[in-house]
Amino acid sequence: MRPRAKEVEALENYILKIKFDNGEIKKFDVKPYLNHKAFEELKDYKEFSKVKIAGLSIEWENGADICPDELYNNSYSI
């Protein structure tokens, strides 16, 4: 079963700190996504910081989200 994001916190430099339901805490770098149309609004850090848990993953107010597998597999443990 894929780990599910339980908590998310926006950090400096467009990094997300994510706690998963398997107990792992990881960081995910959103910077590579910011040039994609769906993520352009998030260049405004105020908008970026409005990230929240949604289903198995996370999303922002503008509807941008990241696939749960991408979020887990491309984040690094802390």
Protein backbone atom coordinates (compact mmCIF):
# COMPACT_ATOMS: atom_id res chain seq x y z
CA MET A 1 0.00 0.00 0.00
CA ARG A 2 1.37 3.43 -0.90
CA PRO A 3 2.17 5.76 1.99
CA ARG A 4 -0.30 8.58 2.41
CA ALA A 5 0.62 12.17 3.30
CA LYS A 6 -0.78 13.00 6.76
CA GLU A 7 0.80 16.40 7.42
CA VAL A 8 2.44 18.97 5.19
CA GLU A 9 4.37 22.14 5.96
CA ALA A 10 5.76 24.68 3.49
CA LEU A 11 9.39 25.52 4.23
CA GLU A 12 11.74 28.12 2.76
CA ASN A 13 13.07 27.71 -0.77
CA TYR A 14 9.90 25.91 -2.01
CA ILE A 15 10.49 22.77 0.01
CA LEU A 16 7.66 20.76 1.56
CA LYS A 17 8.09 18.82 4.79
CA ILE A 18 5.73 15.87 4.69
CA LYS A 19 4.81 13.33 7.33
CA PHE A 20 3.48 10.09 5.88
CA ASP A 21 1.16 7.60 7.53
CA ASN A 22 3.99 5.04 7.72
CA GLY A 23 5.80 7.36 10.14
CA GLU A 24 8.38 8.66 7.66
CA ILE A 25 9.11 12.37 7.48
CA LYS A 26 10.49 13.55 4.15
CA LYS A 27 11.23 16.73 2.22
CA PHE A 28 10.09 17.37 -1.34
CA ASP A 29 11.56 20.09 -3.57
CA VAL A 30 8.83 21.82 -5.59
CA LYS A 31 11.21 24.18 -7.48
CA PRO A 32 11.48 21.94 -10.59
CA TYR A 33 7.68 22.15 -11.00
CA LEU A 34 7.33 25.93 -10.75
CA ASN A 35 7.79 26.49 -14.50
CA HIS A 36 4.81 24.29 -15.34
CA LYS A 37 1.60 26.20 -15.98
CA ALA A 38 -0.36 24.60 -13.13
CA PHE A 39 2.30 25.65 -10.63
CA GLU A 40 3.10 29.19 -11.86
CA GLU A 41 0.95 30.86 -9.18
CA LEU A 42 2.99 29.08 -6.53
CA LYS A 43 6.04 31.19 -7.37
CA ASP A 44 4.32 33.62 -5.00
CA TYR A 45 5.49 32.15 -1.70
CA LYS A 46 2.30 33.29 -0.01
CA GLU A 47 0.33 31.02 -2.37
CA PHE A 48 2.88 28.22 -2.06
CA SER A 49 2.51 28.23 1.71
CA LYS A 50 -1.24 27.47 1.44
CA VAL A 51 -0.51 23.80 0.71
CA LYS A 52 -2.83 21.29 2.38
CA ILE A 53 -3.53 17.56 2.58
CA ALA A 54 -5.95 16.25 -0.05
CA GLY A 55 -6.80 12.57 -0.34
CA LEU A 56 -3.59 10.55 -0.64
CA SER A 57 -1.46 13.58 -1.44
CA ILE A 58 -1.27 17.36 -1.20
CA GLU A 59 -2.73 20.29 -3.15
CA TRP A 60 -2.91 24.06 -3.29
CA GLU A 61 -5.87 26.44 -3.50
CA ASN A 62 -5.47 26.82 -7.28
CA GLY A 63 -6.00 23.05 -7.72
CA ALA A 64 -2.35 22.18 -8.43
CA ASP A 65 -1.38 18.87 -6.89
CA ILE A 66 1.36 16.28 -6.98
CA CYS A 67 0.80 12.59 -7.65
CA PRO A 68 1.12 10.59 -4.41
CA ASP A 69 3.76 8.27 -5.91
CA GLU A 70 5.79 11.22 -7.18
CA LEU A 71 5.52 12.91 -3.80
CA TYR A 72 6.74 9.88 -1.88
CA ASN A 73 9.29 8.44 -4.32
CA ASN A 74 10.98 11.75 -5.15
CA SER A 75 11.27 13.11 -1.64
CA TYR A 76 14.19 12.53 0.69
CA SER A 77 14.18 11.34 4.27
CA ILE A 78 15.15 13.69 7.07
